[in-house]
C-alpha cells in the first residue's frame, strides 16, 4: 500500500506499507512477452493471487526483489493474474 503525506517542511512524501499475500508463480508465455514488448514492457514474472487480496497495487516485492506491475487480469475463478517487470530503481 502506498500513502502520501507531508514532512515537517511541507514536502510531499510517499510511504509504502508492506503486507503479505500468498501467490503462485506463472510462466510468461510467448504471446505475453511479445505483446508486452510492443508496449514497451520487459516482462520478467507472472503471479496469480486471490482477487480479494489484490487492490490495484502498482509495485510488489517478491523474494527480496522489487517489481512494477504493468498488467493485472481478473479471472472468473476468483484469482487475478499479475504481470511484472523489474523496478527501475532496484
N, C-alpha and C. Protein backbone atom coordinates (compact mmCIF):
# COMPACT_ATOMS: atom_id res chain seq x y z
N UNK A 1 0.83 -1.18 0.00
CA UNK A 1 0.00 0.00 0.00
C UNK A 1 0.87 1.24 0.00
N UNK A 2 0.43 2.25 -0.69
CA UNK A 2 1.17 3.50 -0.77
C UNK A 2 0.29 4.62 -0.23
N UNK A 3 0.85 5.40 0.66
CA UNK A 3 0.15 6.58 1.17
C UNK A 3 1.05 7.79 0.97
N UNK A 4 0.44 8.93 0.84
CA UNK A 4 1.21 10.16 0.71
C UNK A 4 0.95 11.05 1.91
N UNK A 5 1.89 11.88 2.21
CA UNK A 5 1.77 12.79 3.33
C UNK A 5 2.74 13.94 3.16
N UNK A 6 2.93 14.69 4.20
CA UNK A 6 3.84 15.83 4.18
C UNK A 6 4.83 15.68 5.34
N UNK A 7 6.06 16.08 5.08
CA UNK A 7 7.05 16.08 6.16
C UNK A 7 7.00 17.41 6.90
N UNK A 8 7.94 17.61 7.83
CA UNK A 8 7.93 18.82 8.66
C UNK A 8 8.18 20.09 7.85
N UNK A 9 8.72 19.95 6.63
CA UNK A 9 8.94 21.12 5.76
C UNK A 9 7.79 21.34 4.78
N UNK A 10 6.77 20.49 4.86
CA UNK A 10 5.63 20.63 3.95
C UNK A 10 5.83 19.97 2.60
N UNK A 11 6.90 19.19 2.46
CA UNK A 11 7.16 18.50 1.21
C UNK A 11 6.38 17.19 1.17
N UNK A 12 5.91 16.83 -0.02
CA UNK A 12 5.18 15.58 -0.18
C UNK A 12 6.13 14.40 -0.03
N UNK A 13 5.69 13.38 0.70
CA UNK A 13 6.46 12.15 0.85
C UNK A 13 5.54 10.97 0.57
N UNK A 14 6.12 9.93 0.06
CA UNK A 14 5.37 8.71 -0.24
C UNK A 14 5.84 7.63 0.72
N UNK A 15 4.89 6.98 1.38
CA UNK A 15 5.21 5.91 2.32
C UNK A 15 4.59 4.62 1.80
N UNK A 16 5.39 3.55 1.81
CA UNK A 16 4.90 2.24 1.43
C UNK A 16 4.66 1.43 2.69
N UNK A 17 3.50 0.81 2.76
CA UNK A 17 3.15 -0.04 3.89
C UNK A 17 3.04 -1.48 3.38
N UNK A 18 4.06 -2.29 3.62
CA UNK A 18 4.05 -3.65 3.08
C UNK A 18 3.04 -4.56 3.77
N UNK A 19 2.54 -5.52 3.01
CA UNK A 19 1.71 -6.58 3.56
C UNK A 19 1.95 -7.84 2.74
N UNK A 20 1.68 -8.99 3.32
CA UNK A 20 1.98 -10.26 2.67
C UNK A 20 0.74 -10.84 2.00
N UNK A 21 0.96 -11.38 0.80
CA UNK A 21 -0.11 -12.04 0.04
C UNK A 21 0.46 -13.36 -0.47
N UNK A 22 -0.31 -14.42 -0.36
CA UNK A 22 0.13 -15.71 -0.89
C UNK A 22 -0.11 -15.73 -2.40
N UNK A 23 0.82 -16.32 -3.13
CA UNK A 23 0.74 -16.32 -4.59
C UNK A 23 1.40 -17.57 -5.16
N UNK A 24 1.18 -17.77 -6.44
CA UNK A 24 1.88 -18.80 -7.20
C UNK A 24 2.50 -18.14 -8.42
N UNK A 25 3.68 -18.59 -8.78
CA UNK A 25 4.40 -18.00 -9.91
C UNK A 25 3.90 -18.63 -11.21
N UNK A 26 3.75 -17.79 -12.23
CA UNK A 26 3.34 -18.22 -13.56
C UNK A 26 4.49 -18.05 -14.53
N UNK A 27 4.49 -18.84 -15.57
CA UNK A 27 5.45 -18.65 -16.66
C UNK A 27 4.93 -17.56 -17.58
N UNK A 28 5.85 -16.80 -18.16
CA UNK A 28 5.48 -15.79 -19.14
C UNK A 28 5.38 -16.50 -20.50
N UNK A 29 4.23 -16.41 -21.13
CA UNK A 29 4.05 -17.05 -22.44
C UNK A 29 4.70 -16.20 -23.53
N UNK A 30 4.92 -16.82 -24.67
CA UNK A 30 5.47 -16.08 -25.81
C UNK A 30 4.56 -14.95 -26.23
N UNK A 31 3.25 -15.21 -26.20
CA UNK A 31 2.28 -14.18 -26.59
C UNK A 31 2.35 -12.99 -25.64
N UNK A 32 2.43 -13.25 -24.33
CA UNK A 32 2.53 -12.16 -23.35
C UNK A 32 3.83 -11.40 -23.52
N UNK A 33 4.92 -12.12 -23.73
CA UNK A 33 6.21 -11.47 -23.91
C UNK A 33 6.19 -10.57 -25.14
N UNK A 34 5.61 -11.05 -26.22
CA UNK A 34 5.54 -10.27 -27.46
C UNK A 34 4.65 -9.04 -27.31
N UNK A 35 3.46 -9.23 -26.76
CA UNK A 35 2.52 -8.12 -26.59
C UNK A 35 3.08 -7.06 -25.64
N UNK A 36 3.64 -7.50 -24.53
CA UNK A 36 4.21 -6.55 -23.55
C UNK A 36 5.38 -5.80 -24.17
N UNK A 37 6.21 -6.50 -24.95
CA UNK A 37 7.35 -5.86 -25.59
C UNK A 37 6.92 -4.78 -26.57
N UNK A 38 5.82 -5.00 -27.28
CA UNK A 38 5.31 -4.00 -28.21
C UNK A 38 4.84 -2.73 -27.47
N UNK A 39 4.46 -2.90 -26.22
CA UNK A 39 4.00 -1.77 -25.41
C UNK A 39 5.12 -1.17 -24.57
N UNK A 40 6.35 -1.64 -24.78
CA UNK A 40 7.50 -1.07 -24.08
C UNK A 40 7.81 -1.69 -22.73
N UNK A 41 7.24 -2.84 -22.44
CA UNK A 41 7.49 -3.51 -21.16
C UNK A 41 8.44 -4.68 -21.37
N UNK A 42 9.12 -5.06 -20.30
CA UNK A 42 10.02 -6.21 -20.32
C UNK A 42 9.54 -7.19 -19.26
N UNK A 43 8.60 -8.07 -19.61
CA UNK A 43 8.03 -8.97 -18.60
C UNK A 43 9.07 -9.92 -18.02
N UNK A 44 9.06 -10.01 -16.70
CA UNK A 44 10.00 -10.89 -16.01
C UNK A 44 9.31 -11.98 -15.22
N UNK A 45 8.07 -11.71 -14.79
CA UNK A 45 7.42 -12.67 -13.91
C UNK A 45 5.91 -12.48 -13.96
N UNK A 46 5.21 -13.59 -13.80
CA UNK A 46 3.77 -13.56 -13.64
C UNK A 46 3.41 -14.22 -12.33
N UNK A 47 2.41 -13.70 -11.66
CA UNK A 47 1.94 -14.27 -10.40
C UNK A 47 0.43 -14.41 -10.46
N UNK A 48 -0.09 -15.36 -9.70
CA UNK A 48 -1.54 -15.47 -9.55
C UNK A 48 -1.84 -15.32 -8.06
N UNK A 49 -2.80 -14.42 -7.76
CA UNK A 49 -3.17 -14.14 -6.37
C UNK A 49 -4.69 -14.17 -6.25
N UNK A 50 -5.16 -14.31 -5.03
CA UNK A 50 -6.59 -14.22 -4.77
C UNK A 50 -7.05 -12.80 -5.11
N UNK A 51 -8.13 -12.67 -5.85
CA UNK A 51 -8.60 -11.35 -6.27
C UNK A 51 -8.95 -10.45 -5.08
N UNK A 52 -9.38 -11.03 -3.97
CA UNK A 52 -9.71 -10.23 -2.79
C UNK A 52 -8.45 -9.63 -2.15
N UNK A 53 -7.28 -10.21 -2.42
CA UNK A 53 -6.03 -9.72 -1.83
C UNK A 53 -5.36 -8.66 -2.69
N UNK A 54 -5.81 -8.50 -3.94
CA UNK A 54 -5.19 -7.54 -4.84
C UNK A 54 -6.07 -6.31 -4.97
N UNK A 55 -5.47 -5.15 -4.71
CA UNK A 55 -6.23 -3.90 -4.72
C UNK A 55 -5.57 -2.88 -5.67
N UNK A 56 -5.25 -3.33 -6.87
CA UNK A 56 -4.65 -2.48 -7.91
C UNK A 56 -3.33 -1.85 -7.50
N UNK A 57 -2.53 -2.57 -6.72
CA UNK A 57 -1.21 -2.08 -6.37
C UNK A 57 -0.37 -1.99 -7.65
N UNK A 58 0.59 -1.10 -7.64
CA UNK A 58 1.45 -0.88 -8.81
C UNK A 58 2.85 -1.44 -8.63
N UNK A 59 3.19 -1.82 -7.40
CA UNK A 59 4.52 -2.35 -7.11
C UNK A 59 4.38 -3.56 -6.19
N UNK A 60 5.40 -4.43 -6.23
CA UNK A 60 5.43 -5.56 -5.31
C UNK A 60 6.87 -5.97 -5.08
N UNK A 61 7.05 -6.74 -4.04
CA UNK A 61 8.36 -7.31 -3.75
C UNK A 61 8.19 -8.81 -3.66
N UNK A 62 9.04 -9.54 -4.38
CA UNK A 62 8.97 -10.99 -4.41
C UNK A 62 10.38 -11.53 -4.21
N UNK A 63 10.57 -12.29 -3.14
CA UNK A 63 11.87 -12.87 -2.79
C UNK A 63 12.97 -11.82 -2.75
N UNK A 64 12.66 -10.67 -2.14
CA UNK A 64 13.65 -9.63 -1.92
C UNK A 64 13.90 -8.71 -3.10
N UNK A 65 13.21 -8.90 -4.20
CA UNK A 65 13.39 -8.06 -5.38
C UNK A 65 12.12 -7.28 -5.67
N UNK A 66 12.26 -6.01 -6.04
CA UNK A 66 11.10 -5.15 -6.30
C UNK A 66 10.72 -5.18 -7.79
N UNK A 67 9.42 -5.17 -8.03
CA UNK A 67 8.88 -5.21 -9.38
C UNK A 67 7.79 -4.16 -9.54
N UNK A 68 7.62 -3.70 -10.78
CA UNK A 68 6.49 -2.86 -11.14
C UNK A 68 5.46 -3.75 -11.83
N UNK A 69 4.21 -3.55 -11.48
CA UNK A 69 3.13 -4.31 -12.10
C UNK A 69 2.65 -3.53 -13.32
N UNK A 70 2.74 -4.14 -14.49
CA UNK A 70 2.29 -3.44 -15.69
C UNK A 70 0.94 -3.96 -16.20
N UNK A 71 0.49 -5.09 -15.69
CA UNK A 71 -0.78 -5.64 -16.16
C UNK A 71 -1.37 -6.55 -15.09
N UNK A 72 -2.66 -6.43 -14.88
CA UNK A 72 -3.38 -7.33 -13.98
C UNK A 72 -4.66 -7.77 -14.69
N UNK A 73 -4.95 -9.05 -14.63
CA UNK A 73 -6.09 -9.62 -15.32
C UNK A 73 -6.92 -10.42 -14.32
N UNK A 74 -8.14 -9.99 -14.05
CA UNK A 74 -9.00 -10.69 -13.11
C UNK A 74 -9.71 -11.83 -13.83
N UNK A 75 -9.50 -13.03 -13.34
CA UNK A 75 -10.11 -14.21 -13.94
C UNK A 75 -11.49 -14.46 -13.33
N UNK A 76 -12.23 -15.35 -13.94
CA UNK A 76 -13.58 -15.66 -13.47
C UNK A 76 -13.61 -16.63 -12.30
N UNK A 77 -12.47 -17.22 -11.95
CA UNK A 77 -12.43 -18.19 -10.86
C UNK A 77 -12.03 -17.59 -9.52
N UNK A 78 -12.00 -16.25 -9.43
CA UNK A 78 -11.68 -15.60 -8.15
C UNK A 78 -10.22 -15.28 -7.96
N UNK A 79 -9.42 -15.49 -9.00
CA UNK A 79 -8.00 -15.18 -8.93
C UNK A 79 -7.65 -14.08 -9.93
N UNK A 80 -6.54 -13.40 -9.68
CA UNK A 80 -6.04 -12.35 -10.56
C UNK A 80 -4.63 -12.70 -10.98
N UNK A 81 -4.37 -12.60 -12.29
CA UNK A 81 -3.03 -12.78 -12.81
C UNK A 81 -2.35 -11.41 -12.85
N UNK A 82 -1.13 -11.35 -12.31
CA UNK A 82 -0.36 -10.10 -12.26
C UNK A 82 0.92 -10.32 -13.04
N UNK A 83 1.23 -9.39 -13.93
CA UNK A 83 2.44 -9.46 -14.73
C UNK A 83 3.37 -8.32 -14.35
N UNK A 84 4.65 -8.64 -14.14
CA UNK A 84 5.60 -7.69 -13.56
C UNK A 84 6.86 -7.57 -14.39
N UNK A 85 7.51 -6.41 -14.22
CA UNK A 85 8.84 -6.17 -14.78
C UNK A 85 9.69 -5.59 -13.67
N UNK A 86 10.99 -5.72 -13.79
CA UNK A 86 11.90 -5.22 -12.76
C UNK A 86 11.75 -3.74 -12.53
N UNK A 87 11.78 -3.33 -11.27
CA UNK A 87 11.67 -1.91 -10.93
C UNK A 87 12.95 -1.19 -11.35
N UNK A 88 12.79 0.01 -11.88
CA UNK A 88 13.92 0.76 -12.41
C UNK A 88 14.95 1.12 -11.32
N UNK A 89 14.48 1.34 -10.10
CA UNK A 89 15.40 1.76 -9.04
C UNK A 89 15.88 0.59 -8.19
N UNK A 90 15.68 -0.63 -8.66
CA UNK A 90 16.12 -1.81 -7.90
C UNK A 90 17.51 -2.21 -8.27
